[in-house]
Amino acid sequence: METFLKIENIKLWARVGVLDEERELGQLFSLDIFLWTDFEECTANDDIKKTVDYSKLVDILKIQSKKIYFFTIEKYSKAILEIIDGEFKLSKIKIILTKCKPPIIGFDGKVSIVRILENK
């Protein structure tokens, strides 16, 4: 049975974008995270120490996002993967990073990047 933890709609404020204003003022991003690890020990013993502390993860990402200055969401998404991978021993990580209001004239949508990291 495949089991993963999903954390949805983490709001992050970061200075990422091609325009000077985006890097100076920052903007809102939304992040969805999927985490694969062995949840069996946690499940069997109901032991919180044997699972992913997602409150810690969210706090780390919010703190780190305030320090980030990048031109692209591609680079920002790589940094997020590195932060998660550095903090937790996971077999697989998938993220969906969304720029909520990209500054494109006549465009009212969102732009997202999906990245997957697998540790063998």
PDB file of N, CA and C in Angstrom:
ATOM      1  N   MET A   1       0.839  -1.168   0.000  1.00  0.00           N
ATOM      2  CA  MET A   1       0.000   0.000   0.000  1.00  0.00           C
ATOM      3  C   MET A   1       0.895   1.245   0.000  1.00  0.00           C
ATOM      4  N   GLU A   2       0.623   2.152  -0.905  1.00  0.00           N
ATOM      5  CA  GLU A   2       1.370   3.409  -0.958  1.00  0.00           C
ATOM      6  C   GLU A   2       0.703   4.432  -0.043  1.00  0.00           C
ATOM      7  N   THR A   3       1.511   5.058   0.795  1.00  0.00           N
ATOM      8  CA  THR A   3       1.017   6.073   1.719  1.00  0.00           C
ATOM      9  C   THR A   3       1.919   7.289   1.628  1.00  0.00           C
ATOM     10  N   PHE A   4       1.315   8.458   1.573  1.00  0.00           N
ATOM     11  CA  PHE A   4       2.081   9.692   1.606  1.00  0.00           C
ATOM     12  C   PHE A   4       1.309  10.731   2.385  1.00  0.00           C
ATOM     13  N   LEU A   5       2.040  11.703   2.886  1.00  0.00           N
ATOM     14  CA  LEU A   5       1.468  12.810   3.627  1.00  0.00           C
ATOM     15  C   LEU A   5       1.341  13.983   2.670  1.00  0.00           C
ATOM     16  N   LYS A   6       0.184  14.617   2.653  1.00  0.00           N
ATOM     17  CA  LYS A   6      -0.050  15.763   1.777  1.00  0.00           C
ATOM     18  C   LYS A   6      -0.319  16.993   2.635  1.00  0.00           C
ATOM     19  N   ILE A   7       0.430  18.049   2.381  1.00  0.00           N
ATOM     20  CA  ILE A   7       0.238  19.328   3.059  1.00  0.00           C
ATOM     21  C   ILE A   7      -0.154  20.325   1.971  1.00  0.00           C
ATOM     22  N   GLU A   8      -1.332  20.892   2.098  1.00  0.00           N
ATOM     23  CA  GLU A   8      -1.875  21.740   1.034  1.00  0.00           C
ATOM     24  C   GLU A   8      -1.899  23.217   1.393  1.00  0.00           C
ATOM     25  N   ASN A   9      -1.701  24.021   0.368  1.00  0.00           N
ATOM     26  CA  ASN A   9      -1.978  25.449   0.412  1.00  0.00           C
ATOM     27  C   ASN A   9      -1.186  26.195   1.500  1.00  0.00           C
ATOM     28  N   ILE A  10       0.100  25.889   1.591  1.00  0.00           N
ATOM     29  CA  ILE A  10       0.977  26.645   2.482  1.00  0.00           C
ATOM     30  C   ILE A  10       1.211  27.995   1.804  1.00  0.00           C
ATOM     31  N   LYS A  11       0.894  29.069   2.493  1.00  0.00           N
ATOM     32  CA  LYS A  11       1.084  30.408   1.929  1.00  0.00           C
ATOM     33  C   LYS A  11       2.475  30.910   2.303  1.00  0.00           C
ATOM     34  N   LEU A  12       3.251  31.268   1.291  1.00  0.00           N
ATOM     35  CA  LEU A  12       4.608  31.760   1.484  1.00  0.00           C
ATOM     36  C   LEU A  12       4.773  33.106   0.781  1.00  0.00           C
ATOM     37  N   TRP A  13       5.425  34.028   1.438  1.00  0.00           N
ATOM     38  CA  TRP A  13       5.737  35.320   0.840  1.00  0.00           C
ATOM     39  C   TRP A  13       7.221  35.299   0.495  1.00  0.00           C
ATOM     40  N   ALA A  14       7.540  35.481  -0.782  1.00  0.00           N
ATOM     41  CA  ALA A  14       8.939  35.400  -1.204  1.00  0.00           C
ATOM     42  C   ALA A  14       9.233  36.433  -2.280  1.00  0.00           C
ATOM     43  N   ARG A  15      10.493  36.777  -2.386  1.00  0.00           N
ATOM     44  CA  ARG A  15      10.954  37.746  -3.387  1.00  0.00           C
ATOM     45  C   ARG A  15      11.504  36.972  -4.578  1.00  0.00           C
ATOM     46  N   VAL A  16      10.602  36.594  -5.460  1.00  0.00           N
ATOM     47  CA  VAL A  16      10.957  35.783  -6.615  1.00  0.00           C
ATOM     48  C   VAL A  16      10.268  36.366  -7.847  1.00  0.00           C
ATOM     49  N   GLY A  17      11.039  36.615  -8.891  1.00  0.00           N
ATOM     50  CA  GLY A  17      10.453  37.097 -10.132  1.00  0.00           C
ATOM     51  C   GLY A  17      11.462  37.842 -10.977  1.00  0.00           C
ATOM     52  N   VAL A  18      11.107  38.017 -12.215  1.00  0.00           N
ATOM     53  CA  VAL A  18      11.973  38.693 -13.172  1.00  0.00           C
ATOM     54  C   VAL A  18      11.939  40.210 -12.956  1.00  0.00           C
ATOM     55  N   LEU A  19      10.783  40.735 -12.610  1.00  0.00           N
ATOM     56  CA  LEU A  19      10.654  42.181 -12.414  1.00  0.00           C
ATOM     57  C   LEU A  19      11.307  42.608 -11.099  1.00  0.00           C
ATOM     58  N   ASP A  20      11.938  43.776 -11.123  1.00  0.00           N
ATOM     59  CA  ASP A  20      12.582  44.299  -9.915  1.00  0.00           C
ATOM     60  C   ASP A  20      11.590  44.382  -8.757  1.00  0.00           C
ATOM     61  N   GLU A  21      10.364  44.805  -9.046  1.00  0.00           N
ATOM     62  CA  GLU A  21       9.340  44.942  -7.998  1.00  0.00           C
ATOM     63  C   GLU A  21       9.035  43.605  -7.321  1.00  0.00           C
ATOM     64  N   GLU A  22       9.067  42.531  -8.093  1.00  0.00           N
ATOM     65  CA  GLU A  22       8.791  41.211  -7.524  1.00  0.00           C
ATOM     66  C   GLU A  22       9.850  40.822  -6.497  1.00  0.00           C
ATOM     67  N   ARG A  23      11.093  41.130  -6.813  1.00  0.00           N
ATOM     68  CA  ARG A  23      12.181  40.795  -5.888  1.00  0.00           C
ATOM     69  C   ARG A  23      12.307  41.812  -4.758  1.00  0.00           C
ATOM     70  N   GLU A  24      11.858  43.031  -4.998  1.00  0.00           N
ATOM     71  CA  GLU A  24      11.930  44.059  -3.955  1.00  0.00           C
ATOM     72  C   GLU A  24      10.777  43.930  -2.956  1.00  0.00           C
ATOM     73  N   LEU A  25       9.566  43.812  -3.464  1.00  0.00           N
ATOM     74  CA  LEU A  25       8.380  43.781  -2.604  1.00  0.00           C
ATOM     75  C   LEU A  25       7.970  42.372  -2.199  1.00  0.00           C
ATOM     76  N   GLY A  26       8.247  41.408  -3.053  1.00  0.00           N
ATOM     77  CA  GLY A  26       7.810  40.039  -2.814  1.00  0.00           C
ATOM     78  C   GLY A  26       6.393  39.830  -3.285  1.00  0.00           C
ATOM     79  N   GLN A  27       5.963  38.586  -3.202  1.00  0.00           N
ATOM     80  CA  GLN A  27       4.611  38.238  -3.624  1.00  0.00           C
ATOM     81  C   GLN A  27       4.210  36.904  -3.008  1.00  0.00           C
ATOM     82  N   LEU A  28       2.938  36.599  -3.130  1.00  0.00           N
ATOM     83  CA  LEU A  28       2.379  35.406  -2.511  1.00  0.00           C
ATOM     84  C   LEU A  28       2.564  34.173  -3.405  1.00  0.00           C
ATOM     85  N   PHE A  29       2.993  33.099  -2.753  1.00  0.00           N
ATOM     86  CA  PHE A  29       3.086  31.787  -3.391  1.00  0.00           C
ATOM     87  C   PHE A  29       2.263  30.808  -2.575  1.00  0.00           C
ATOM     88  N   SER A  30       1.784  29.779  -3.232  1.00  0.00           N
ATOM     89  CA  SER A  30       1.087  28.688  -2.562  1.00  0.00           C
ATOM     90  C   SER A  30       1.887  27.412  -2.824  1.00  0.00           C
ATOM     91  N   LEU A  31       2.001  26.585  -1.795  1.00  0.00           N
ATOM     92  CA  LEU A  31       2.813  25.376  -1.916  1.00  0.00           C
ATOM     93  C   LEU A  31       2.022  24.169  -1.438  1.00  0.00           C
ATOM     94  N   ASP A  32       1.996  23.140  -2.259  1.00  0.00           N
ATOM     95  CA  ASP A  32       1.466  21.836  -1.874  1.00  0.00           C
ATOM     96  C   ASP A  32       2.643  20.871  -1.832  1.00  0.00           C
ATOM     97  N   ILE A  33       2.681  20.060  -0.776  1.00  0.00           N
ATOM     98  CA  ILE A  33       3.793  19.122  -0.592  1.00  0.00           C
ATOM     99  C   ILE A  33       3.238  17.717  -0.392  1.00  0.00           C
ATOM    100  N   PHE A  34       3.873  16.752  -1.030  1.00  0.00           N
ATOM    101  CA  PHE A  34       3.560  15.339  -0.869  1.00  0.00           C
ATOM    102  C   PHE A  34       4.829  14.668  -0.366  1.00  0.00           C
ATOM    103  N   LEU A  35       4.733  13.938   0.745  1.00  0.00           N
ATOM    104  CA  LEU A  35       5.910  13.329   1.364  1.00  0.00           C
ATOM    105  C   LEU A  35       5.725  11.829   1.523  1.00  0.00           C
ATOM    106  N   TRP A  36       6.683  11.066   1.009  1.00  0.00           N
ATOM    107  CA  TRP A  36       6.663   9.619   1.138  1.00  0.00           C
ATOM    108  C   TRP A  36       7.747   9.193   2.120  1.00  0.00           C
ATOM    109  N   THR A  37       7.372   8.382   3.083  1.00  0.00           N
ATOM    110  CA  THR A  37       8.313   7.783   4.017  1.00  0.00           C
ATOM    111  C   THR A  37       7.648   6.539   4.590  1.00  0.00           C
ATOM    112  N   ASP A  38       8.344   5.845   5.463  1.00  0.00           N
ATOM    113  CA  ASP A  38       7.764   4.664   6.097  1.00  0.00           C
ATOM    114  C   ASP A  38       6.912   5.107   7.288  1.00  0.00           C
ATOM    115  N   PHE A  39       5.619   5.048   7.134  1.00  0.00           N
ATOM    116  CA  PHE A  39       4.693   5.459   8.185  1.00  0.00           C
ATOM    117  C   PHE A  39       4.242   4.284   9.053  1.00  0.00           C
ATOM    118  N   GLU A  40       4.773   3.090   8.811  1.00  0.00           N
ATOM    119  CA  GLU A  40       4.292   1.893   9.509  1.00  0.00           C
ATOM    120  C   GLU A  40       4.528   1.938  11.021  1.00  0.00           C
ATOM    121  N   GLU A  41       5.716   2.384  11.442  1.00  0.00           N
ATOM    122  CA  GLU A  41       6.001   2.427  12.875  1.00  0.00           C
ATOM    123  C   GLU A  41       5.098   3.439  13.582  1.00  0.00           C
ATOM    124  N   CYS A  42       4.876   4.563  12.951  1.00  0.00           N
ATOM    125  CA  CYS A  42       3.960   5.555  13.511  1.00  0.00           C
ATOM    126  C   CYS A  42       2.545   4.991  13.579  1.00  0.00           C
ATOM    127  N   THR A  43       2.139   4.326  12.526  1.00  0.00           N
ATOM    128  CA  THR A  43       0.795   3.757  12.466  1.00  0.00           C
ATOM    129  C   THR A  43       0.602   2.676  13.521  1.00  0.00           C
ATOM    130  N   ALA A  44       1.592   1.799  13.669  1.00  0.00           N
ATOM    131  CA  ALA A  44       1.476   0.686  14.616  1.00  0.00           C
ATOM    132  C   ALA A  44       1.441   1.156  16.066  1.00  0.00           C
ATOM    133  N   ASN A  45       2.253   2.178  16.393  1.00  0.00           N
ATOM    134  CA  ASN A  45       2.395   2.604  17.791  1.00  0.00           C
ATOM    135  C   ASN A  45       1.782   3.963  18.090  1.00  0.00           C
ATOM    136  N   ASP A  46       1.219   4.606  17.078  1.00  0.00           N
ATOM    137  CA  ASP A  46       0.664   5.949  17.238  1.00  0.00           C
ATOM    138  C   ASP A  46       1.695   6.886  17.858  1.00  0.00           C
ATOM    139  N   ASP A  47       2.947   6.760  17.364  1.00  0.00           N
ATOM    140  CA  ASP A  47       4.078   7.507  17.901  1.00  0.00           C
ATOM    141  C   ASP A  47       4.375   8.711  17.016  1.00  0.00           C
ATOM    142  N   ILE A  48       4.113   9.897  17.537  1.00  0.00           N
ATOM    143  CA  ILE A  48       4.306  11.133  16.769  1.00  0.00           C
ATOM    144  C   ILE A  48       5.769  11.351  16.378  1.00  0.00           C
ATOM    145  N   LYS A  49       6.693  10.780  17.125  1.00  0.00           N
ATOM    146  CA  LYS A  49       8.119  10.924  16.827  1.00  0.00           C
ATOM    147  C   LYS A  49       8.539  10.098  15.616  1.00  0.00           C
ATOM    148  N   LYS A  50       7.668   9.219  15.160  1.00  0.00           N
ATOM    149  CA  LYS A  50       7.988   8.346  14.032  1.00  0.00           C
ATOM    150  C   LYS A  50       7.306   8.793  12.739  1.00  0.00           C
ATOM    151  N   THR A  51       6.904  10.057  12.699  1.00  0.00           N
ATOM    152  CA  THR A  51       6.301  10.591  11.486  1.00  0.00           C
ATOM    153  C   THR A  51       6.926  11.944  11.181  1.00  0.00           C
ATOM    154  N   VAL A  52       6.434  12.631  10.182  1.00  0.00           N
ATOM    155  CA  VAL A  52       6.950  13.927   9.777  1.00  0.00           C
ATOM    156  C   VAL A  52       6.247  15.013  10.598  1.00  0.00           C
ATOM    157  N   ASP A  53       7.032  15.847  11.250  1.00  0.00           N
ATOM    158  CA  ASP A  53       6.475  16.966  12.003  1.00  0.00           C
ATOM    159  C   ASP A  53       6.170  18.084  11.004  1.00  0.00           C
ATOM    160  N   TYR A  54       4.963  18.081  10.480  1.00  0.00           N
ATOM    161  CA  TYR A  54       4.632  19.037   9.435  1.00  0.00           C
ATOM    162  C   TYR A  54       4.501  20.465   9.953  1.00  0.00           C
ATOM    163  N   SER A  55       4.228  20.641  11.241  1.00  0.00           N
ATOM    164  CA  SER A  55       4.198  22.014  11.769  1.00  0.00           C
ATOM    165  C   SER A  55       5.609  22.608  11.743  1.00  0.00           C
ATOM    166  N   LYS A  56       6.610  21.800  12.060  1.00  0.00           N
ATOM    167  CA  LYS A  56       8.009  22.237  11.986  1.00  0.00           C
ATOM    168  C   LYS A  56       8.379  22.550  10.537  1.00  0.00           C
ATOM    169  N   LEU A  57       7.954  21.698   9.613  1.00  0.00           N
ATOM    170  CA  LEU A  57       8.253  21.893   8.204  1.00  0.00           C
ATOM    171  C   LEU A  57       7.669  23.209   7.692  1.00  0.00           C
ATOM    172  N   VAL A  58       6.419  23.477   8.007  1.00  0.00           N
ATOM    173  CA  VAL A  58       5.778  24.716   7.573  1.00  0.00           C
ATOM    174  C   VAL A  58       6.517  25.923   8.149  1.00  0.00           C
ATOM    175  N   ASP A  59       6.872  25.876   9.424  1.00  0.00           N
ATOM    176  CA  ASP A  59       7.599  26.984  10.049  1.00  0.00           C
ATOM    177  C   ASP A  59       8.944  27.222   9.359  1.00  0.00           C
ATOM    178  N   ILE A  60       9.681  26.161   9.084  1.00  0.00           N
ATOM    179  CA  ILE A  60      10.984  26.291   8.417  1.00  0.00           C
ATOM    180  C   ILE A  60      10.822  26.939   7.050  1.00  0.00           C
ATOM    181  N   LEU A  61       9.839  26.490   6.280  1.00  0.00           N
ATOM    182  CA  LEU A  61       9.636  27.032   4.937  1.00  0.00           C
ATOM    183  C   LEU A  61       9.237  28.509   4.988  1.00  0.00           C
ATOM    184  N   LYS A  62       8.403  28.887   5.951  1.00  0.00           N
ATOM    185  CA  LYS A  62       7.996  30.291   6.069  1.00  0.00           C
ATOM    186  C   LYS A  62       9.184  31.181   6.436  1.00  0.00           C
ATOM    187  N   ILE A  63      10.029  30.714   7.326  1.00  0.00           N
ATOM    188  CA  ILE A  63      11.216  31.483   7.718  1.00  0.00           C
ATOM    189  C   ILE A  63      12.179  31.614   6.541  1.00  0.00           C
ATOM    190  N   GLN A  64      12.439  30.507   5.852  1.00  0.00           N
ATOM    191  CA  GLN A  64      13.381  30.517   4.735  1.00  0.00           C
ATOM    192  C   GLN A  64      12.873  31.355   3.561  1.00  0.00           C
ATOM    193  N   SER A  65      11.575  31.370   3.337  1.00  0.00           N
ATOM    194  CA  SER A  65      11.029  32.109   2.199  1.00  0.00           C
ATOM    195  C   SER A  65      11.300  33.605   2.321  1.00  0.00           C
ATOM    196  N   LYS A  66      11.406  34.100   3.549  1.00  0.00           N
ATOM    197  CA  LYS A  66      11.677  35.529   3.759  1.00  0.00           C
ATOM    198  C   LYS A  66      13.114  35.899   3.404  1.00  0.00           C
ATOM    199  N   LYS A  67      13.984  34.912   3.283  1.00  0.00           N
ATOM    200  CA  LYS A  67      15.393  35.152   2.986  1.00  0.00           C
ATOM    201  C   LYS A  67      15.729  34.949   1.508  1.00  0.00           C
ATOM    202  N   ILE A  68      14.759  34.567   0.713  1.00  0.00           N
ATOM    203  CA  ILE A  68      15.008  34.140  -0.665  1.00  0.00           C
ATOM    204  C   ILE A  68      14.849  35.294  -1.652  1.00  0.00           C
ATOM    205  N   TYR A  69      15.793  35.394  -2.577  1.00  0.00           N
ATOM    206  CA  TYR A  69      15.742  36.339  -3.688  1.00  0.00           C
ATOM    207  C   TYR A  69      16.150  35.578  -4.945  1.00  0.00           C
ATOM    208  N   PHE A  70      15.173  35.226  -5.794  1.00  0.00           N
ATOM    209  CA  PHE A  70      15.457  34.501  -7.026  1.00  0.00           C
ATOM    210  C   PHE A  70      14.713  35.145  -8.188  1.00  0.00           C
ATOM    211  N   PHE A  71      15.193  34.892  -9.382  1.00  0.00           N
ATOM    212  CA  PHE A  71      14.507  35.340 -10.586  1.00  0.00           C
ATOM    213  C   PHE A  71      13.383  34.382 -10.988  1.00  0.00           C
ATOM    214  N   THR A  72      13.560  33.073 -10.745  1.00  0.00           N
ATOM    215  CA  THR A  72      12.610  32.092 -11.286  1.00  0.00           C
ATOM    216  C   THR A  72      11.988  31.216 -10.199  1.00  0.00           C
ATOM    217  N   ILE A  73      10.759  30.762 -10.485  1.00  0.00           N
ATOM    218  CA  ILE A  73      10.128  29.806  -9.572  1.00  0.00           C
ATOM    219  C   ILE A  73      10.820  28.449  -9.679  1.00  0.00           C
ATOM    220  N   GLU A  74      11.496  28.215 -10.779  1.00  0.00           N
ATOM    221  CA  GLU A  74      12.250  26.972 -10.917  1.00  0.00           C
ATOM    222  C   GLU A  74      13.344  26.889  -9.850  1.00  0.00           C
ATOM    223  N   LYS A  75      14.087  27.974  -9.679  1.00  0.00           N
ATOM    224  CA  LYS A  75      15.154  28.018  -8.671  1.00  0.00           C
ATOM    225  C   LYS A  75      14.560  27.970  -7.266  1.00  0.00           C
ATOM    226  N   TYR A  76      13.458  28.686  -7.056  1.00  0.00           N
ATOM    227  CA  TYR A  76      12.793  28.682  -5.752  1.00  0.00           C
ATOM    228  C   TYR A  76      12.310  27.277  -5.408  1.00  0.00           C
ATOM    229  N   SER A  77      11.745  26.574  -6.379  1.00  0.00           N
ATOM    230  CA  SER A  77      11.255  25.213  -6.119  1.00  0.00           C
ATOM    231  C   SER A  77      12.408  24.272  -5.777  1.00  0.00           C
ATOM    232  N   LYS A  78      13.554  24.449  -6.424  1.00  0.00           N
ATOM    233  CA  LYS A  78      14.727  23.630  -6.102  1.00  0.00           C
ATOM    234  C   LYS A  78      15.181  23.892  -4.667  1.00  0.00           C
ATOM    235  N   ALA A  79      15.173  25.155  -4.256  1.00  0.00           N
ATOM    236  CA  ALA A  79      15.555  25.511  -2.886  1.00  0.00           C
ATOM    237  C   ALA A  79      14.604  24.875  -1.876  1.00  0.00           C
ATOM    238  N   ILE A  80      13.315  24.866  -2.179  1.00  0.00           N
ATOM    239  CA  ILE A  80      12.328  24.244  -1.287  1.00  0.00           C
ATOM    240  C   ILE A  80      12.610  22.752  -1.147  1.00  0.00           C
ATOM    241  N   LEU A  81      12.854  22.078  -2.261  1.00  0.00           N
ATOM    242  CA  LEU A  81      13.171  20.641  -2.213  1.00  0.00           C
ATOM    243  C   LEU A  81      14.417  20.387  -1.364  1.00  0.00           C
ATOM    244  N   GLU A  82      15.425  21.227  -1.515  1.00  0.00           N
ATOM    245  CA  GLU A  82      16.660  21.056  -0.750  1.00  0.00           C
ATOM    246  C   GLU A  82      16.415  21.265   0.750  1.00  0.00           C
ATOM    247  N   ILE A  83      15.574  22.226   1.093  1.00  0.00           N
ATOM    248  CA  ILE A  83      15.245  22.475   2.497  1.00  0.00           C
ATOM    249  C   ILE A  83      14.545  21.257   3.091  1.00  0.00           C
ATOM    250  N   ILE A  84      13.537  20.750   2.397  1.00  0.00           N
ATOM    251  CA  ILE A  84      12.772  19.591   2.893  1.00  0.00           C
ATOM    252  C   ILE A  84      13.680  18.374   2.997  1.00  0.00           C
ATOM    253  N   ASP A  85      14.461  18.126   1.951  1.00  0.00           N
ATOM    254  CA  ASP A  85      15.337  16.956   1.921  1.00  0.00           C
ATOM    255  C   ASP A  85      16.406  17.041   3.014  1.00  0.00           C
ATOM    256  N   GLY A  86      16.862  18.235   3.303  1.00  0.00           N
ATOM    257  CA  GLY A  86      17.871  18.406   4.336  1.00  0.00           C
ATOM    258  C   GLY A  86      17.345  18.199   5.752  1.00  0.00           C
ATOM    259  N   GLU A  87      16.072  18.434   5.962  1.00  0.00           N
ATOM    260  CA  GLU A  87      15.472  18.337   7.301  1.00  0.00           C
ATOM    261  C   GLU A  87      14.923  16.949   7.628  1.00  0.00           C
ATOM    262  N   PHE A  88      14.435  16.248   6.618  1.00  0.00           N
ATOM    263  CA  PHE A  88      13.729  14.992   6.854  1.00  0.00           C
ATOM    264  C   PHE A  88      14.284  13.885   5.969  1.00  0.00           C
ATOM    265  N   LYS A  89      14.274  12.676   6.489  1.00  0.00           N
ATOM    266  CA  LYS A  89      14.702  11.515   5.712  1.00  0.00           C
ATOM    267  C   LYS A  89      13.464  10.924   5.040  1.00  0.00           C
ATOM    268  N   LEU A  90      13.299  11.263   3.782  1.00  0.00           N
ATOM    269  CA  LEU A  90      12.117  10.848   3.036  1.00  0.00           C
ATOM    270  C   LEU A  90      12.529  10.095   1.790  1.00  0.00           C
ATOM    271  N   SER A  91      11.685   9.174   1.365  1.00  0.00           N
ATOM    272  CA  SER A  91      12.003   8.421   0.157  1.00  0.00           C
ATOM    273  C   SER A  91      11.631   9.189  -1.106  1.00  0.00           C
ATOM    274  N   LYS A  92      10.625  10.054  -0.995  1.00  0.00           N
ATOM    275  CA  LYS A  92      10.180  10.802  -2.171  1.00  0.00           C
ATOM    276  C   LYS A  92       9.500  12.080  -1.708  1.00  0.00           C
ATOM    277  N   ILE A  93       9.730  13.155  -2.461  1.00  0.00           N
ATOM    278  CA  ILE A  93       9.103  14.443  -2.193  1.00  0.00           C
ATOM    279  C   ILE A  93       8.543  14.968  -3.514  1.00  0.00           C
ATOM    280  N   LYS A  94       7.329  15.426  -3.472  1.00  0.00           N
ATOM    281  CA  LYS A  94       6.724  16.101  -4.628  1.00  0.00           C
ATOM    282  C   LYS A  94       6.204  17.440  -4.140  1.00  0.00           C
ATOM    283  N   ILE A  95       6.505  18.498  -4.905  1.00  0.00           N
ATOM    284  CA  ILE A  95       5.959  19.798  -4.550  1.00  0.00           C
ATOM    285  C   ILE A  95       5.276  20.425  -5.757  1.00  0.00           C
ATOM    286  N   ILE A  96       4.288  21.226  -5.464  1.00  0.00           N
ATOM    287  CA  ILE A  96       3.650  22.067  -6.476  1.00  0.00           C
ATOM    288  C   ILE A  96       3.741  23.489  -5.932  1.00  0.00           C
ATOM    289  N   LEU A  97       4.569  24.304  -6.567  1.00  0.00           N
ATOM    290  CA  LEU A  97       4.772  25.686  -6.159  1.00  0.00           C
ATOM    291  C   LEU A  97       4.027  26.577  -7.147  1.00  0.00           C
ATOM    292  N   THR A  98       3.142  27.414  -6.615  1.00  0.00           N
ATOM    293  CA  THR A  98       2.285  28.249  -7.454  1.00  0.00           C
ATOM    294  C   THR A  98       2.513  29.724  -7.171  1.00  0.00           C
ATOM    295  N   LYS A  99       2.768  30.477  -8.236  1.00  0.00           N
ATOM    296  CA  LYS A  99       2.805  31.937  -8.154  1.00  0.00           C
ATOM    297  C   LYS A  99       1.361  32.384  -8.312  1.00  0.00           C
ATOM    298  N   CYS A 100       0.798  32.931  -7.243  1.00  0.00           N
ATOM    299  CA  CYS A 100      -0.646  33.179  -7.187  1.00  0.00           C
ATOM    300  C   CYS A 100      -1.126  34.277  -8.128  1.00  0.00           C
ATOM    301  N   LYS A 101      -0.341  35.328  -8.304  1.00  0.00           N
ATOM    302  CA  LYS A 101      -0.749  36.436  -9.175  1.00  0.00           C
ATOM    303  C   LYS A 101       0.444  36.907 -10.002  1.00  0.00           C
ATOM    304  N   PRO A 102       0.799  36.143 -11.022  1.00  0.00           N
ATOM    305  CA  PRO A 102       1.939  36.568 -11.837  1.00  0.00           C
ATOM    306  C   PRO A 102       1.610  37.885 -12.560  1.00  0.00           C
ATOM    307  N   PRO A 103       2.590  38.783 -12.621  1.00  0.00           N
ATOM    308  CA  PRO A 103       2.333  40.093 -13.221  1.00  0.00           C
ATOM    309  C   PRO A 103       2.379  40.051 -14.749  1.00  0.00           C
ATOM    310  N   ILE A 104       1.342  39.451 -15.319  1.00  0.00           N
ATOM    311  CA  ILE A 104       1.242  39.337 -16.770  1.00  0.00           C
ATOM    312  C   ILE A 104      -0.016  40.091 -17.189  1.00  0.00           C
ATOM    313  N   ILE A 105       0.135  41.085 -18.021  1.00  0.00           N
ATOM    314  CA  ILE A 105      -0.998  41.897 -18.461  1.00  0.00           C
ATOM    315  C   ILE A 105      -2.004  41.025 -19.200  1.00  0.00           C
ATOM    316  N   GLY A 106      -3.268  41.136 -18.799  1.00  0.00           N
ATOM    317  CA  GLY A 106      -4.342  40.395 -19.447  1.00  0.00           C
ATOM    318  C   GLY A 106      -4.446  38.937 -19.020  1.00  0.00           C
ATOM    319  N   PHE A 107      -3.701  38.542 -17.973  1.00  0.00           N
ATOM    320  CA  PHE A 107      -3.716  37.154 -17.502  1.00  0.00           C
ATOM    321  C   PHE A 107      -4.133  37.142 -16.045  1.00  0.00           C
ATOM    322  N   ASP A 108      -5.195  36.407 -15.759  1.00  0.00           N
ATOM    323  CA  ASP A 108      -5.725  36.366 -14.398  1.00  0.00           C
ATOM    324  C   ASP A 108      -5.544  34.982 -13.770  1.00  0.00           C
ATOM    325  N   GLY A 109      -4.667  34.178 -14.332  1.00  0.00           N
ATOM    326  CA  GLY A 109      -4.475  32.823 -13.840  1.00  0.00           C
ATOM    327  C   GLY A 109      -3.299  32.712 -12.892  1.00  0.00           C
ATOM    328  N   LYS A 110      -2.865  31.500 -12.695  1.00  0.00           N
ATOM    329  CA  LYS A 110      -1.735  31.188 -11.830  1.00  0.00           C
ATOM    330  C   LYS A 110      -0.702  30.419 -12.634  1.00  0.00           C
ATOM    331  N   VAL A 111       0.525  30.411 -12.145  1.00  0.00           N
ATOM    332  CA  VAL A 111       1.597  29.654 -12.778  1.00  0.00           C
ATOM    333  C   VAL A 111       2.200  28.736 -11.720  1.00  0.00           C
ATOM    334  N   SER A 112       2.345  27.460 -12.056  1.00  0.00           N
ATOM    335  CA  SER A 112       2.871  26.485 -11.101  1.00  0.00           C
ATOM    336  C   SER A 112       4.002  25.682 -11.717  1.00  0.00           C
ATOM    337  N   ILE A 113       4.872  25.207 -10.844  1.00  0.00           N
ATOM    338  CA  ILE A 113       5.885  24.237 -11.241  1.00  0.00           C
ATOM    339  C   ILE A 113       5.717  23.021 -10.338  1.00  0.00           C
ATOM    340  N   VAL A 114       5.843  21.845 -10.928  1.00  0.00           N
ATOM    341  CA  VAL A 114       5.752  20.580 -10.190  1.00  0.00           C
ATOM    342  C   VAL A 114       7.133  19.941 -10.248  1.00  0.00           C
ATOM    343  N   ARG A 115       7.651  19.585  -9.075  1.00  0.00           N
ATOM    344  CA  ARG A 115       8.957  18.926  -9.015  1.00  0.00           C
ATOM    345  C   ARG A 115       8.869  17.713  -8.110  1.00  0.00           C
ATOM    346  N   ILE A 116       9.630  16.696  -8.471  1.00  0.00           N
ATOM    347  CA  ILE A 116       9.667  15.450  -7.706  1.00  0.00           C
ATOM    348  C   ILE A 116      11.127  15.082  -7.452  1.00  0.00           C
ATOM    349  N   LEU A 117      11.408  14.758  -6.200  1.00  0.00           N
ATOM    350  CA  LEU A 117      12.739  14.288  -5.809  1.00  0.00           C
ATOM    351  C   LEU A 117      12.593  12.902  -5.228  1.00  0.00           C
ATOM    352  N   GLU A 118      13.326  11.945  -5.771  1.00  0.00           N
ATOM    353  CA  GLU A 118      13.301  10.573  -5.234  1.00  0.00           C
ATOM    354  C   GLU A 118      14.676  10.227  -4.698  1.00  0.00           C
ATOM    355  N   ASN A 119      14.701   9.764  -3.457  1.00  0.00           N
ATOM    356  CA  ASN A 119      15.936   9.289  -2.848  1.00  0.00           C
ATOM    357  C   ASN A 119      15.965   7.777  -2.938  1.00  0.00           C
ATOM    358  N   LYS A 120      16.987   7.255  -3.509  1.00  0.00           N
ATOM    359  CA  LYS A 120      17.091   5.794  -3.698  1.00  0.00           C
ATOM    360  C   LYS A 120      17.757   5.149  -2.516  1.00  0.00           C
TER     361      LYS A 120
END
